[in-house]
Structures are given as structure tokens and as C-alpha cells.
Amino acid sequence: YQRAVLNFVIPSGLLNGAYNEGAVLDLNADFPAEYIVKRDPSGNYVEYNSGTGEYDSLITGLNGIVRCMAEGPDGKIYVGGDFTNAGTVAEADYLARWDPVSEAWEAVIAGISTYVYALAFDANGDLYIGGGFVNLGSDDGDGIVKITDLSGTPTVVALGTGTNQIVYTIAIAPNGDVYAGGTFTLA
């Protein structure tokens, strides 16, 4: 749903009182949101498809809930959640990134076994992810891991022996300390 005000100015005094200085234009456009929407710099969430006569979302391709999002230092949008095969990319299960230049989904790392709930980037550009996954990258990749070299060949680094339950949130302090919260009782 988009709402805009359109104003007309008539610089002539000849029509004094014979015009309305403003009106509200309402446009209701139903479109497939597929768990995520994108707004362009002009404020649009959709574009008109003259071939179908319908409105299309500016971003599509997810088949499950989005739980977290973060912009990476590379300008790409990283998304975690309950989805699989983002944009039909088979390795993009539970974690994917949207490239705003190519307008396409990309895989980040393969092997995530279940939902991703938290994303955070550190000052080096490494990505910390938290969730309910186990054995990601190694036997110690439970609940929280760090992913390095996102612009090359991403590598999963376990943080200790992981957690015994789900990590729902991650925060990184300016000094580099990593804080995690969730339902775990051992870490």
C-alpha cells in the first residue's frame, strides 16, 4: 500500500477558488511478498508488469520466515531464517545474501542444518551467525559460529565447543567482545 499527496499550483488569479490545491492519490497493489520486501530509493515496493497487468515485488525467492537481516561490509544484504533454496540456489538454506547489483540471491555457506536467528558483523567483516544448527563446519559448530573470508572462499570457525541450545541474538562490542543470548545453559 502506497499513499502520496499530489499538489498542483496554478500561478494565475483567473481561477481563484475554482480549483482544489491538493488531493490524495491512493494505490493499493497486491503483490507476492514471499517473506521479504524491498523499497527502492523512490519509495516503491513494487513495479508494474505491463505483460501481466499486475504488480511485482522488487525482491522474491524465499520460501520461509526471515528471522534476521544485516547489511554486510560488501553492501550485500545477509538474511537468516527458516527458508531453503533462496532464489532456487540449492546451497542457500537458512542463510543467504542478496546482491543489490545483480539482483540475485547467493549462497554464503553450505551445511546449515536448521534455522538461523541472529547475524552480526565484526570490525574485520567476519559474520557471526546464531541459531539452532549443530556441527556446522566441525563437531564444535553448535549454535554459534564465525564465517570468515566472505568475499573469497568462506570458512566456518567454531567458537569453543558451541552451545547446548539455540542462540537467538548476537552483539559485538566496539572492543571486539562477542555477546550471545538464547535458550542455552552451557557454552
C-alpha atoms as a PDB file:
ATOM      1  CA  TYR A   1       0.000   0.000   0.000  1.00  0.00           C
ATOM      2  CA  GLN A   2       1.455   3.344  -1.018  1.00  0.00           C
ATOM      3  CA  ARG A   3      -0.046   6.764  -0.347  1.00  0.00           C
ATOM      4  CA  ALA A   4       1.142  10.045  -1.867  1.00  0.00           C
ATOM      5  CA  VAL A   5      -0.052  13.638  -1.958  1.00  0.00           C
ATOM      6  CA  LEU A   6      -0.024  15.374  -5.325  1.00  0.00           C
ATOM      7  CA  ASN A   7      -0.173  19.182  -5.343  1.00  0.00           C
ATOM      8  CA  PHE A   8      -0.964  21.366  -8.330  1.00  0.00           C
ATOM      9  CA  VAL A   9      -0.067  25.043  -8.346  1.00  0.00           C
ATOM     10  CA  ILE A  10      -1.877  27.421 -10.683  1.00  0.00           C
ATOM     11  CA  PRO A  11       0.003  30.737 -10.820  1.00  0.00           C
ATOM     12  CA  SER A  12      -2.930  32.623 -12.348  1.00  0.00           C
ATOM     13  CA  GLY A  13      -5.501  34.548 -10.333  1.00  0.00           C
ATOM     14  CA  LEU A  14      -8.085  33.934 -13.053  1.00  0.00           C
ATOM     15  CA  LEU A  15      -9.172  30.637 -11.495  1.00  0.00           C
ATOM     16  CA  ASN A  16      -9.425  31.955  -7.936  1.00  0.00           C
ATOM     17  CA  GLY A  17     -11.464  29.445  -5.953  1.00  0.00           C
ATOM     18  CA  ALA A  18     -12.146  27.214  -8.961  1.00  0.00           C
ATOM     19  CA  TYR A  19      -9.554  24.580  -8.166  1.00  0.00           C
ATOM     20  CA  ASN A  20      -8.507  22.291  -5.346  1.00  0.00           C
ATOM     21  CA  GLU A  21      -4.903  22.776  -4.187  1.00  0.00           C
ATOM     22  CA  GLY A  22      -4.240  19.133  -3.332  1.00  0.00           C
ATOM     23  CA  ALA A  23      -5.570  15.642  -3.490  1.00  0.00           C
ATOM     24  CA  VAL A  24      -4.636  12.270  -2.059  1.00  0.00           C
ATOM     25  CA  LEU A  25      -3.883   9.512  -4.521  1.00  0.00           C
ATOM     26  CA  ASP A  26      -4.189   6.010  -3.143  1.00  0.00           C
ATOM     27  CA  LEU A  27      -2.730   2.975  -4.859  1.00  0.00           C
ATOM     28  CA  ASN A  28      -3.463  -0.457  -3.483  1.00  0.00           C
ATOM     29  CA  ALA A  29      -1.306  -3.048  -5.153  1.00  0.00           C
ATOM     30  CA  ASP A  30      -1.382  -6.663  -4.045  1.00  0.00           C
ATOM     31  CA  PHE A  31       1.886  -8.417  -4.782  1.00  0.00           C
ATOM     32  CA  PRO A  32       3.701 -11.590  -3.672  1.00  0.00           C
ATOM     33  CA  ALA A  33       5.946 -10.575  -0.795  1.00  0.00           C
ATOM     34  CA  GLU A  34       7.464 -14.034  -0.145  1.00  0.00           C
ATOM     35  CA  TYR A  35       8.585 -13.185   3.424  1.00  0.00           C
ATOM     36  CA  ILE A  36      10.680 -10.162   2.395  1.00  0.00           C
ATOM     37  CA  VAL A  37      10.120  -6.801   0.704  1.00  0.00           C
ATOM     38  CA  LYS A  38      12.481  -4.207  -0.700  1.00  0.00           C
ATOM     39  CA  ARG A  39      11.862  -0.480  -1.044  1.00  0.00           C
ATOM     40  CA  ASP A  40      13.755   1.382  -3.770  1.00  0.00           C
ATOM     41  CA  PRO A  41      15.149   4.929  -3.355  1.00  0.00           C
ATOM     42  CA  SER A  42      11.950   6.339  -4.898  1.00  0.00           C
ATOM     43  CA  GLY A  43       9.846   4.713  -2.166  1.00  0.00           C
ATOM     44  CA  ASN A  44       8.398   1.916  -4.306  1.00  0.00           C
ATOM     45  CA  TYR A  45       7.910  -1.642  -3.096  1.00  0.00           C
ATOM     46  CA  VAL A  46       6.578  -2.879  -6.429  1.00  0.00           C
ATOM     47  CA  GLU A  47       6.902  -2.348 -10.144  1.00  0.00           C
ATOM     48  CA  TYR A  48       4.132  -2.582 -12.675  1.00  0.00           C
ATOM     49  CA  ASN A  49       4.396  -5.521 -15.067  1.00  0.00           C
ATOM     50  CA  SER A  50       2.699  -4.438 -18.297  1.00  0.00           C
ATOM     51  CA  GLY A  51       2.797  -8.025 -19.604  1.00  0.00           C
ATOM     52  CA  THR A  52       0.618  -9.394 -16.809  1.00  0.00           C
ATOM     53  CA  GLY A  53      -1.131  -6.175 -15.769  1.00  0.00           C
ATOM     54  CA  GLU A  54      -0.117  -6.890 -12.160  1.00  0.00           C
ATOM     55  CA  TYR A  55       2.400  -5.532  -9.695  1.00  0.00           C
ATOM     56  CA  ASP A  56       5.591  -7.471  -8.991  1.00  0.00           C
ATOM     57  CA  SER A  57       7.645  -7.311  -5.809  1.00  0.00           C
ATOM     58  CA  LEU A  58      11.142  -5.847  -6.116  1.00  0.00           C
ATOM     59  CA  ILE A  59      12.550  -8.915  -4.340  1.00  0.00           C
ATOM     60  CA  THR A  60      11.319 -12.528  -4.332  1.00  0.00           C
ATOM     61  CA  GLY A  61      12.606 -16.045  -3.858  1.00  0.00           C
ATOM     62  CA  LEU A  62      12.253 -17.001  -0.192  1.00  0.00           C
ATOM     63  CA  ASN A  63      10.025 -19.903   0.868  1.00  0.00           C
ATOM     64  CA  GLY A  64      10.137 -19.454   4.644  1.00  0.00           C
ATOM     65  CA  ILE A  65      10.293 -16.972   7.511  1.00  0.00           C
ATOM     66  CA  VAL A  66      13.052 -14.356   7.693  1.00  0.00           C
ATOM     67  CA  ARG A  67      14.346 -14.147  11.285  1.00  0.00           C
ATOM     68  CA  CYS A  68      17.244 -11.677  10.898  1.00  0.00           C
ATOM     69  CA  MET A  69      18.943  -9.394   8.384  1.00  0.00           C
ATOM     70  CA  ALA A  70      22.174  -7.404   8.276  1.00  0.00           C
ATOM     71  CA  GLU A  71      23.996  -5.365   5.678  1.00  0.00           C
ATOM     72  CA  GLY A  72      27.492  -6.676   5.108  1.00  0.00           C
ATOM     73  CA  PRO A  73      30.591  -4.573   4.524  1.00  0.00           C
ATOM     74  CA  ASP A  74      30.361  -5.673   0.876  1.00  0.00           C
ATOM     75  CA  GLY A  75      26.981  -3.898   0.529  1.00  0.00           C
ATOM     76  CA  LYS A  76      25.075  -7.163   0.226  1.00  0.00           C
ATOM     77  CA  ILE A  77      22.070  -7.956   2.421  1.00  0.00           C
ATOM     78  CA  TYR A  78      22.519 -11.087   4.536  1.00  0.00           C
ATOM     79  CA  VAL A  79      19.340 -12.899   5.585  1.00  0.00           C
ATOM     80  CA  GLY A  80      18.825 -15.747   8.050  1.00  0.00           C
ATOM     81  CA  GLY A  81      15.694 -17.695   8.880  1.00  0.00           C
ATOM     82  CA  ASP A  82      13.573 -20.756   8.162  1.00  0.00           C
ATOM     83  CA  PHE A  83      13.856 -20.791   4.360  1.00  0.00           C
ATOM     84  CA  THR A  84      15.589 -23.207   1.987  1.00  0.00           C
ATOM     85  CA  ASN A  85      16.918 -22.711  -1.524  1.00  0.00           C
ATOM     86  CA  ALA A  86      16.727 -18.901  -1.611  1.00  0.00           C
ATOM     87  CA  GLY A  87      16.017 -17.890  -5.180  1.00  0.00           C
ATOM     88  CA  THR A  88      16.422 -21.562  -6.206  1.00  0.00           C
ATOM     89  CA  VAL A  89      20.076 -21.553  -5.030  1.00  0.00           C
ATOM     90  CA  ALA A  90      20.389 -25.034  -3.519  1.00  0.00           C
ATOM     91  CA  GLU A  91      23.198 -24.153  -1.063  1.00  0.00           C
ATOM     92  CA  ALA A  92      21.284 -21.146   0.318  1.00  0.00           C
ATOM     93  CA  ASP A  93      19.494 -22.975   3.127  1.00  0.00           C
ATOM     94  CA  TYR A  94      18.717 -20.880   6.227  1.00  0.00           C
ATOM     95  CA  LEU A  95      21.361 -18.257   5.306  1.00  0.00           C
ATOM     96  CA  ALA A  96      21.603 -16.325   2.048  1.00  0.00           C
ATOM     97  CA  ARG A  97      22.706 -12.959   0.743  1.00  0.00           C
ATOM     98  CA  TRP A  98      21.010 -10.628  -1.716  1.00  0.00           C
ATOM     99  CA  ASP A  99      23.304  -8.896  -4.203  1.00  0.00           C
ATOM    100  CA  PRO A 100      21.751  -5.492  -4.976  1.00  0.00           C
ATOM    101  CA  VAL A 101      23.872  -5.140  -8.129  1.00  0.00           C
ATOM    102  CA  SER A 102      22.936  -8.423  -9.828  1.00  0.00           C
ATOM    103  CA  GLU A 103      19.511  -8.510  -8.101  1.00  0.00           C
ATOM    104  CA  ALA A 104      20.018 -12.191  -7.242  1.00  0.00           C
ATOM    105  CA  TRP A 105      20.301 -14.467  -4.221  1.00  0.00           C
ATOM    106  CA  GLU A 106      23.654 -16.068  -3.409  1.00  0.00           C
ATOM    107  CA  ALA A 107      24.715 -18.867  -1.087  1.00  0.00           C
ATOM    108  CA  VAL A 108      27.013 -17.947   1.795  1.00  0.00           C
ATOM    109  CA  ILE A 109      27.963 -21.333   3.242  1.00  0.00           C
ATOM    110  CA  ALA A 110      26.549 -24.839   2.798  1.00  0.00           C
ATOM    111  CA  GLY A 111      25.774 -27.318   5.564  1.00  0.00           C
ATOM    112  CA  ILE A 112      23.500 -25.335   7.888  1.00  0.00           C
ATOM    113  CA  SER A 113      21.125 -27.905   9.378  1.00  0.00           C
ATOM    114  CA  THR A 114      18.325 -25.675  10.686  1.00  0.00           C
ATOM    115  CA  TYR A 115      17.139 -22.118  11.374  1.00  0.00           C
ATOM    116  CA  VAL A 116      19.401 -19.074  11.695  1.00  0.00           C
ATOM    117  CA  TYR A 117      18.138 -16.495  14.212  1.00  0.00           C
ATOM    118  CA  ALA A 118      20.971 -13.975  14.568  1.00  0.00           C
ATOM    119  CA  LEU A 119      23.555 -12.219  12.377  1.00  0.00           C
ATOM    120  CA  ALA A 120      26.293  -9.763  13.353  1.00  0.00           C
ATOM    121  CA  PHE A 121      29.380  -8.445  11.567  1.00  0.00           C
ATOM    122  CA  ASP A 122      32.601  -7.619  13.416  1.00  0.00           C
ATOM    123  CA  ALA A 123      35.068  -4.859  12.544  1.00  0.00           C
ATOM    124  CA  ASN A 124      37.051  -7.270  10.309  1.00  0.00           C
ATOM    125  CA  GLY A 125      33.957  -8.025   8.203  1.00  0.00           C
ATOM    126  CA  ASP A 126      33.570 -11.534   9.611  1.00  0.00           C
ATOM    127  CA  LEU A 127      29.991 -12.760  10.045  1.00  0.00           C
ATOM    128  CA  TYR A 128      28.770 -14.350  13.281  1.00  0.00           C
ATOM    129  CA  ILE A 129      25.618 -16.427  12.969  1.00  0.00           C
ATOM    130  CA  GLY A 130      23.489 -17.905  15.731  1.00  0.00           C
ATOM    131  CA  GLY A 131      20.698 -20.432  15.609  1.00  0.00           C
ATOM    132  CA  GLY A 132      19.669 -23.986  16.312  1.00  0.00           C
ATOM    133  CA  PHE A 133      22.175 -25.655  13.981  1.00  0.00           C
ATOM    134  CA  VAL A 134      24.708 -28.281  15.058  1.00  0.00           C
ATOM    135  CA  ASN A 135      28.062 -29.440  13.677  1.00  0.00           C
ATOM    136  CA  LEU A 136      28.424 -26.504  11.280  1.00  0.00           C
ATOM    137  CA  GLY A 137      31.970 -26.645   9.923  1.00  0.00           C
ATOM    138  CA  SER A 138      33.079 -29.056  12.677  1.00  0.00           C
ATOM    139  CA  ASP A 139      31.758 -31.038  15.643  1.00  0.00           C
ATOM    140  CA  ASP A 140      32.033 -27.838  17.706  1.00  0.00           C
ATOM    141  CA  GLY A 141      29.878 -25.694  15.349  1.00  0.00           C
ATOM    142  CA  ASP A 142      26.790 -25.759  17.554  1.00  0.00           C
ATOM    143  CA  GLY A 143      24.527 -22.730  17.977  1.00  0.00           C
ATOM    144  CA  ILE A 144      27.080 -20.049  17.068  1.00  0.00           C
ATOM    145  CA  VAL A 145      29.953 -19.812  14.573  1.00  0.00           C
ATOM    146  CA  LYS A 146      32.023 -17.196  12.784  1.00  0.00           C
ATOM    147  CA  ILE A 147      32.278 -17.142   8.977  1.00  0.00           C
ATOM    148  CA  THR A 148      35.464 -15.581   7.589  1.00  0.00           C
ATOM    149  CA  ASP A 149      36.563 -14.579   4.063  1.00  0.00           C
ATOM    150  CA  LEU A 150      33.071 -13.765   2.780  1.00  0.00           C
ATOM    151  CA  SER A 151      34.436 -12.236  -0.436  1.00  0.00           C
ATOM    152  CA  GLY A 152      36.609 -15.279  -1.226  1.00  0.00           C
ATOM    153  CA  THR A 153      36.066 -18.831  -0.040  1.00  0.00           C
ATOM    154  CA  PRO A 154      34.036 -18.555   3.183  1.00  0.00           C
ATOM    155  CA  THR A 155      35.319 -20.605   6.108  1.00  0.00           C
ATOM    156  CA  VAL A 156      33.362 -21.618   9.213  1.00  0.00           C
ATOM    157  CA  VAL A 157      35.198 -21.155  12.523  1.00  0.00           C
ATOM    158  CA  ALA A 158      33.768 -22.769  15.673  1.00  0.00           C
ATOM    159  CA  LEU A 159      33.779 -20.676  18.848  1.00  0.00           C
ATOM    160  CA  GLY A 160      34.861 -23.078  21.565  1.00  0.00           C
ATOM    161  CA  THR A 161      32.580 -26.086  21.780  1.00  0.00           C
ATOM    162  CA  GLY A 162      29.433 -24.149  20.898  1.00  0.00           C
ATOM    163  CA  THR A 163      26.206 -24.126  22.888  1.00  0.00           C
ATOM    164  CA  ASN A 164      23.778 -26.795  24.030  1.00  0.00           C
ATOM    165  CA  GLN A 165      20.689 -24.936  22.729  1.00  0.00           C
ATOM    166  CA  ILE A 166      19.613 -22.118  20.390  1.00  0.00           C
ATOM    167  CA  VAL A 167      21.383 -18.747  20.044  1.00  0.00           C
ATOM    168  CA  TYR A 168      18.765 -16.055  19.334  1.00  0.00           C
ATOM    169  CA  THR A 169      20.821 -12.871  19.444  1.00  0.00           C
ATOM    170  CA  ILE A 170      24.415 -11.714  18.967  1.00  0.00           C
ATOM    171  CA  ALA A 171      26.011  -8.331  19.708  1.00  0.00           C
ATOM    172  CA  ILE A 172      29.610  -7.298  19.125  1.00  0.00           C
ATOM    173  CA  ALA A 173      31.108  -4.590  21.332  1.00  0.00           C
ATOM    174  CA  PRO A 174      33.481  -1.925  19.942  1.00  0.00           C
ATOM    175  CA  ASN A 175      36.425  -3.701  21.612  1.00  0.00           C
ATOM    176  CA  GLY A 176      35.578  -6.944  19.741  1.00  0.00           C
ATOM    177  CA  ASP A 177      33.887  -8.848  22.570  1.00  0.00           C
ATOM    178  CA  VAL A 178      31.081 -11.071  21.267  1.00  0.00           C
ATOM    179  CA  TYR A 179      27.887 -11.428  23.317  1.00  0.00           C
ATOM    180  CA  ALA A 180      25.299 -14.116  22.618  1.00  0.00           C
ATOM    181  CA  GLY A 181      21.903 -14.794  24.144  1.00  0.00           C
ATOM    182  CA  GLY A 182      19.437 -17.628  23.817  1.00  0.00           C
ATOM    183  CA  THR A 183      17.978 -20.714  25.432  1.00  0.00           C
ATOM    184  CA  PHE A 184      21.367 -22.358  26.072  1.00  0.00           C
ATOM    185  CA  THR A 185      22.620 -23.242  29.567  1.00  0.00           C
ATOM    186  CA  LEU A 186      26.110 -24.389  28.537  1.00  0.00           C
ATOM    187  CA  ALA A 187      28.551 -22.625  26.211  1.00  0.00           C
END
